[in-house]
């Protein structure tokens, strides 16, 4: 079955980037001239996704506003002769069929994804983590969809992380299949002991799941941090039918981390067709003074 639906969990509190996120969702933090979540939605659309559910919570209505029309602004832009800006603003509301639901309690990523059961139905679906912006010529979500279509199994986006950081992420038991694809048969969320580390490969930012994940989530007990961990549910899939790991191409930026936000801003600004050259000249001026 073709993957046309995506879920974007965006209900986190953004505590790592306070005070910026005290009154503004971290998903709306800008990278140059677009909020982070727009990059994620565009990646999904460029991967063939037509219907997107964004899971929010209290205080994140501004995300809904961003993907809605704004007649007053649009009229002002047209009256000012700014047709190109008008076209860009209107196009945001036409990216995909975008729906919203609130996660009324922040009980973890697994709980958030389980809120999407009625939206997903009996179809495979992509999950694009709201913290992770991935920039590349080949959309990361699309790479996972192709892996799902080839092997008929759930797929996860994976990257090797430093050994000193593996305790912050998941650790996967993997075996190489071909190219950048791996068979994953086990995983541990946030391993705290060296003997719990299965490899330095971790799930980072993206997955394509089969609808049986919902029944598994219903029976998943709270795990790390006392929350319902999506990794714990995916572990059940890995141990029974297996999961395909995709070491995707593209650069990942952690938008829940202050340094990650700065890195994204600098690197994406350098590629901007309107700002890139001027920004590069500015950096050349300032770097020698450091």
Protein backbone atom coordinates (compact mmCIF):
# COMPACT_ATOMS: atom_id res chain seq x y z
CA UNK A 1 0.00 0.00 0.00
CA UNK A 2 1.33 3.44 -0.92
CA UNK A 3 2.38 5.73 1.94
CA UNK A 4 0.40 8.97 1.67
CA UNK A 5 -0.10 9.91 5.33
CA UNK A 6 2.35 11.42 7.79
CA UNK A 7 2.25 12.28 11.48
CA UNK A 8 4.33 15.08 12.97
CA UNK A 9 4.46 15.00 16.79
CA UNK A 10 4.85 18.62 17.89
CA UNK A 11 3.61 18.56 21.48
CA UNK A 12 6.96 18.80 23.29
CA UNK A 13 7.64 21.63 25.72
CA UNK A 14 11.00 22.66 24.27
CA UNK A 15 12.68 22.94 27.66
CA UNK A 16 16.18 22.69 26.16
CA UNK A 17 15.73 25.98 24.30
CA UNK A 18 14.10 28.08 27.00
CA UNK A 19 13.41 30.97 27.36
CA UNK A 20 12.74 31.22 23.59
CA UNK A 21 10.03 28.57 23.89
CA UNK A 22 8.28 30.01 26.95
CA UNK A 23 5.56 31.53 24.76
CA UNK A 24 6.44 30.18 21.30
CA UNK A 25 6.52 26.53 20.18
CA UNK A 26 10.01 25.33 19.31
CA UNK A 27 8.60 24.08 16.01
CA UNK A 28 8.00 27.73 15.07
CA UNK A 29 11.61 28.81 15.68
CA UNK A 30 12.82 30.18 12.36
CA UNK A 31 15.66 28.97 10.19
CA UNK A 32 16.47 32.01 8.04
CA UNK A 33 12.94 32.85 6.82
CA UNK A 34 10.79 29.80 7.56
CA UNK A 35 9.76 28.08 10.80
CA UNK A 36 11.31 24.69 11.44
CA UNK A 37 8.03 22.81 11.05
CA UNK A 38 7.55 24.16 7.52
CA UNK A 39 10.80 22.50 6.45
CA UNK A 40 9.48 19.23 7.90
CA UNK A 41 6.11 19.56 6.14
CA UNK A 42 7.86 20.36 2.85
CA UNK A 43 10.04 17.26 3.22
CA UNK A 44 6.93 15.13 3.69
CA UNK A 45 5.23 16.68 0.65
CA UNK A 46 8.35 16.19 -1.48
CA UNK A 47 8.25 12.51 -0.43
CA UNK A 48 4.76 12.01 -1.87
CA UNK A 49 2.75 12.61 1.32
CA UNK A 50 -0.65 14.21 0.74
CA UNK A 51 -2.23 14.14 4.23
CA UNK A 52 -0.44 15.30 7.38
CA UNK A 53 -1.56 15.21 11.02
CA UNK A 54 0.31 17.56 13.34
CA UNK A 55 -0.03 16.64 17.01
CA UNK A 56 0.10 19.70 19.24
CA UNK A 57 -0.92 20.66 22.75
CA UNK A 58 -2.05 23.73 24.65
CA UNK A 59 -0.39 26.97 23.56
CA UNK A 60 0.58 25.84 20.06
CA UNK A 61 -2.27 27.34 18.07
CA UNK A 62 0.24 29.50 16.22
CA UNK A 63 1.28 26.39 14.28
CA UNK A 64 -2.26 26.03 12.97
CA UNK A 65 -2.32 29.73 12.08
CA UNK A 66 0.88 29.39 10.07
CA UNK A 67 -0.62 26.77 7.75
CA UNK A 68 -3.92 28.67 7.40
CA UNK A 69 -4.85 31.54 5.09
CA UNK A 70 -4.52 35.14 6.34
CA UNK A 71 -6.84 37.34 4.23
CA UNK A 72 -5.81 40.64 5.83
CA UNK A 73 -2.11 40.04 5.15
CA UNK A 74 -2.80 38.73 1.66
CA UNK A 75 -4.85 41.80 0.76
CA UNK A 76 -2.11 44.11 2.04
CA UNK A 77 0.53 42.29 0.00
CA UNK A 78 -1.52 42.51 -3.20
CA UNK A 79 -2.30 46.18 -2.60
CA UNK A 80 1.43 46.82 -2.20
CA UNK A 81 2.26 45.03 -5.45
CA UNK A 82 4.16 42.25 -3.66
CA UNK A 83 2.85 39.44 -5.83
CA UNK A 84 5.84 37.15 -5.26
CA UNK A 85 5.53 37.38 -1.46
CA UNK A 86 1.77 36.90 -1.73
CA UNK A 87 2.25 33.74 -3.80
CA UNK A 88 4.72 32.35 -1.28
CA UNK A 89 2.46 33.04 1.70
CA UNK A 90 -0.61 31.52 0.04
CA UNK A 91 1.34 28.44 -1.07
CA UNK A 92 1.97 27.50 2.58
CA UNK A 93 -1.71 26.72 3.05
CA UNK A 94 -1.71 24.53 -0.06
CA UNK A 95 1.25 22.29 0.73
CA UNK A 96 -0.93 19.34 1.78
CA UNK A 97 -4.14 18.44 3.57
CA UNK A 98 -3.02 19.37 7.08
CA UNK A 99 -4.96 18.36 10.16
CA UNK A 100 -4.39 18.99 13.86
CA UNK A 101 -5.12 17.14 17.08
CA UNK A 102 -4.09 17.89 20.64
CA UNK A 103 -2.19 15.52 22.88
CA UNK A 104 -3.96 16.46 26.09
CA UNK A 105 -1.28 14.90 28.31
CA UNK A 106 2.43 14.81 27.51
CA UNK A 107 2.98 11.09 28.09
CA UNK A 108 5.73 10.56 25.56
CA UNK A 109 6.27 10.06 21.84
CA UNK A 110 4.53 6.69 21.80
CA UNK A 111 1.42 8.21 23.38
CA UNK A 112 1.50 11.07 20.86
CA UNK A 113 1.69 8.72 17.87
CA UNK A 114 -1.15 6.64 19.31
CA UNK A 115 -3.33 9.76 19.13
CA UNK A 116 -3.13 9.41 15.33
CA UNK A 117 -4.93 6.04 15.19
CA UNK A 118 -8.19 7.34 13.69
CA UNK A 119 -6.32 9.52 11.18
CA UNK A 120 -4.11 6.68 10.00
CA UNK A 121 -6.69 3.91 9.85
CA UNK A 122 -5.31 0.69 8.38
CA UNK A 123 -2.54 2.27 6.32
CA UNK A 124 1.25 2.56 6.63
CA UNK A 125 2.33 6.06 7.66
CA UNK A 126 5.41 8.18 8.12
CA UNK A 127 6.42 9.84 11.39
CA UNK A 128 8.57 12.95 11.15
CA UNK A 129 9.81 14.08 14.56
CA UNK A 130 9.07 17.76 15.19
CA UNK A 131 12.54 18.35 16.67
CA UNK A 132 14.42 17.23 13.59
CA UNK A 133 14.91 19.23 10.41
CA UNK A 134 16.71 17.18 7.74
CA UNK A 135 18.00 18.98 4.67
CA UNK A 136 19.15 17.12 1.57
CA UNK A 137 18.61 16.70 -2.15
CA UNK A 138 16.77 13.42 -1.57
CA UNK A 139 14.09 13.82 1.15
CA UNK A 140 14.85 11.53 4.09
CA UNK A 141 11.19 10.59 4.44
CA UNK A 142 11.14 9.51 0.80
CA UNK A 143 14.19 7.30 1.34
CA UNK A 144 12.35 5.46 4.15
CA UNK A 145 9.20 5.10 2.05
CA UNK A 146 11.22 3.44 -0.72
CA UNK A 147 12.73 1.02 1.82
CA UNK A 148 9.25 0.17 3.10
CA UNK A 149 8.03 -0.44 -0.45
CA UNK A 150 11.02 -2.68 -1.22
CA UNK A 151 11.04 -4.85 1.91
CA UNK A 152 7.43 -4.55 3.10
CA UNK A 153 8.51 -3.78 6.66
CA UNK A 154 8.48 -0.73 8.89
CA UNK A 155 11.53 1.47 8.29
CA UNK A 156 13.50 3.75 10.60
CA UNK A 157 15.95 6.50 9.79
CA UNK A 158 19.25 5.73 11.48
CA UNK A 159 22.59 7.41 12.05
CA UNK A 160 25.70 6.47 13.99
CA UNK A 161 26.14 8.65 17.08
CA UNK A 162 29.26 9.15 19.23
CA UNK A 163 29.78 6.47 21.86
CA UNK A 164 29.73 9.14 24.55
CA UNK A 165 26.21 10.18 23.48
CA UNK A 166 24.52 6.84 22.86
CA UNK A 167 22.89 6.92 26.31
CA UNK A 168 20.84 9.91 25.12
CA UNK A 169 19.39 8.02 22.15
CA UNK A 170 18.28 4.52 21.17
CA UNK A 171 20.72 1.76 20.32
CA UNK A 172 19.90 -0.70 17.51
CA UNK A 173 20.96 -4.25 16.73
CA UNK A 174 21.61 -4.12 12.99
CA UNK A 175 22.94 -6.26 10.16
CA UNK A 176 23.94 -4.78 6.82
CA UNK A 177 21.66 -5.60 3.88
CA UNK A 178 22.85 -3.46 0.97
CA UNK A 179 24.10 0.07 0.33
CA UNK A 180 22.76 2.21 3.20
CA UNK A 181 20.12 -0.32 4.30
CA UNK A 182 20.22 -2.54 7.40
CA UNK A 183 18.08 -5.19 9.03
CA UNK A 184 17.15 -4.18 12.57
CA UNK A 185 16.08 -6.94 14.97
CA UNK A 186 16.30 -5.29 18.39
CA UNK A 187 16.66 -1.89 20.05
CA UNK A 188 17.07 -0.31 23.46
CA UNK A 189 15.91 3.20 24.38
CA UNK A 190 18.52 5.31 26.18
CA UNK A 191 20.86 2.48 27.26
CA UNK A 192 22.49 3.40 30.57
CA UNK A 193 24.92 0.46 30.88
CA UNK A 194 27.66 -0.49 28.40
CA UNK A 195 26.26 -4.02 28.11
CA UNK A 196 22.93 -2.57 26.93
CA UNK A 197 24.50 -0.87 23.90
CA UNK A 198 23.66 -2.96 20.82
CA UNK A 199 25.47 -0.66 18.35
CA UNK A 200 26.13 3.04 17.87
CA UNK A 201 23.31 3.25 15.34
CA UNK A 202 20.32 5.15 16.65
CA UNK A 203 16.90 6.17 15.31
CA UNK A 204 17.10 9.85 14.43
CA UNK A 205 14.07 11.79 13.35
CA UNK A 206 12.13 9.64 10.90
CA UNK A 207 10.26 6.35 10.60
CA UNK A 208 7.62 4.65 8.47
CA UNK A 209 5.33 2.43 10.51
CA UNK A 210 2.70 -0.19 9.82
CA UNK A 211 -0.74 0.24 11.46
CA UNK A 212 -0.25 -2.71 13.82
CA UNK A 213 1.97 -0.38 15.85
CA UNK A 214 -1.19 1.00 17.49
CA UNK A 215 -2.20 -2.28 19.11
CA UNK A 216 1.39 -2.64 20.32
CA UNK A 217 1.32 0.88 21.77
CA UNK A 218 -1.91 0.07 23.62
CA UNK A 219 0.03 -2.60 25.50
CA UNK A 220 3.30 -0.73 25.95
CA UNK A 221 4.13 0.14 29.55
CA UNK A 222 5.86 3.43 30.44
CA UNK A 223 9.58 3.21 29.82
CA UNK A 224 12.48 5.67 30.00
CA UNK A 225 11.45 8.87 31.76
CA UNK A 226 8.16 7.29 32.82
CA UNK A 227 6.73 7.93 29.34
CA UNK A 228 5.25 5.70 26.64
CA UNK A 229 8.26 5.31 24.36
CA UNK A 230 7.70 4.73 20.65
CA UNK A 231 11.03 2.89 20.59
CA UNK A 232 9.67 0.28 23.00
CA UNK A 233 6.76 -0.43 20.64
CA UNK A 234 9.04 -0.52 17.60
CA UNK A 235 11.25 -2.98 19.47
CA UNK A 236 8.35 -5.42 19.40
CA UNK A 237 8.16 -5.06 15.61
CA UNK A 238 11.91 -5.48 15.30
CA UNK A 239 11.98 -8.65 17.39
CA UNK A 240 9.03 -10.29 15.60
CA UNK A 241 8.95 -9.31 11.92
CA UNK A 242 12.02 -7.07 11.68
CA UNK A 243 12.48 -3.44 10.70
CA UNK A 244 14.56 -1.91 7.91
CA UNK A 245 17.11 0.70 9.01
CA UNK A 246 17.94 3.43 6.51
CA UNK A 247 21.16 5.39 7.01
CA UNK A 248 19.62 8.31 5.17
CA UNK A 249 21.49 10.99 3.28
CA UNK A 250 20.98 14.61 4.30
CA UNK A 251 22.04 16.79 7.22
CA UNK A 252 20.01 16.58 10.42
CA UNK A 253 19.59 19.58 12.67
CA UNK A 254 18.31 19.18 16.23
CA UNK A 255 15.85 22.05 16.72
CA UNK A 256 15.49 21.18 20.38
CA UNK A 257 19.11 22.20 20.93
CA UNK A 258 20.44 25.77 20.88
CA UNK A 259 23.62 24.82 19.02
CA UNK A 260 21.59 22.82 16.50
CA UNK A 261 19.43 25.88 15.79
CA UNK A 262 22.52 28.03 15.21
CA UNK A 263 24.08 25.43 12.93
CA UNK A 264 20.90 25.17 10.88
CA UNK A 265 20.64 28.94 10.55
CA UNK A 266 24.22 29.37 9.36
CA UNK A 267 24.36 26.41 6.97
CA UNK A 268 20.94 26.95 5.40
CA UNK A 269 21.54 30.69 5.09
CA UNK A 270 24.71 29.99 3.10
CA UNK A 271 22.63 28.03 0.59
CA UNK A 272 19.93 30.68 0.30
CA UNK A 273 19.90 32.06 -3.28
CA UNK A 274 19.06 35.59 -2.12
CA UNK A 275 21.17 35.83 1.04
CA UNK A 276 23.94 33.29 0.61
CA UNK A 277 26.64 35.42 -0.99
CA UNK A 278 26.09 38.41 1.29
CA UNK A 279 26.06 36.17 4.36
CA UNK A 280 29.23 34.41 3.22
CA UNK A 281 30.96 37.80 2.86
CA UNK A 282 29.83 38.73 6.36
CA UNK A 283 31.21 35.48 7.81
CA UNK A 284 34.56 36.05 6.08
CA UNK A 285 34.74 39.43 7.77
CA UNK A 286 33.87 38.23 11.25
CA UNK A 287 35.74 34.89 11.39
CA UNK A 288 39.24 36.45 11.52
CA UNK A 289 38.20 38.39 14.62
CA UNK A 290 37.33 35.25 16.61
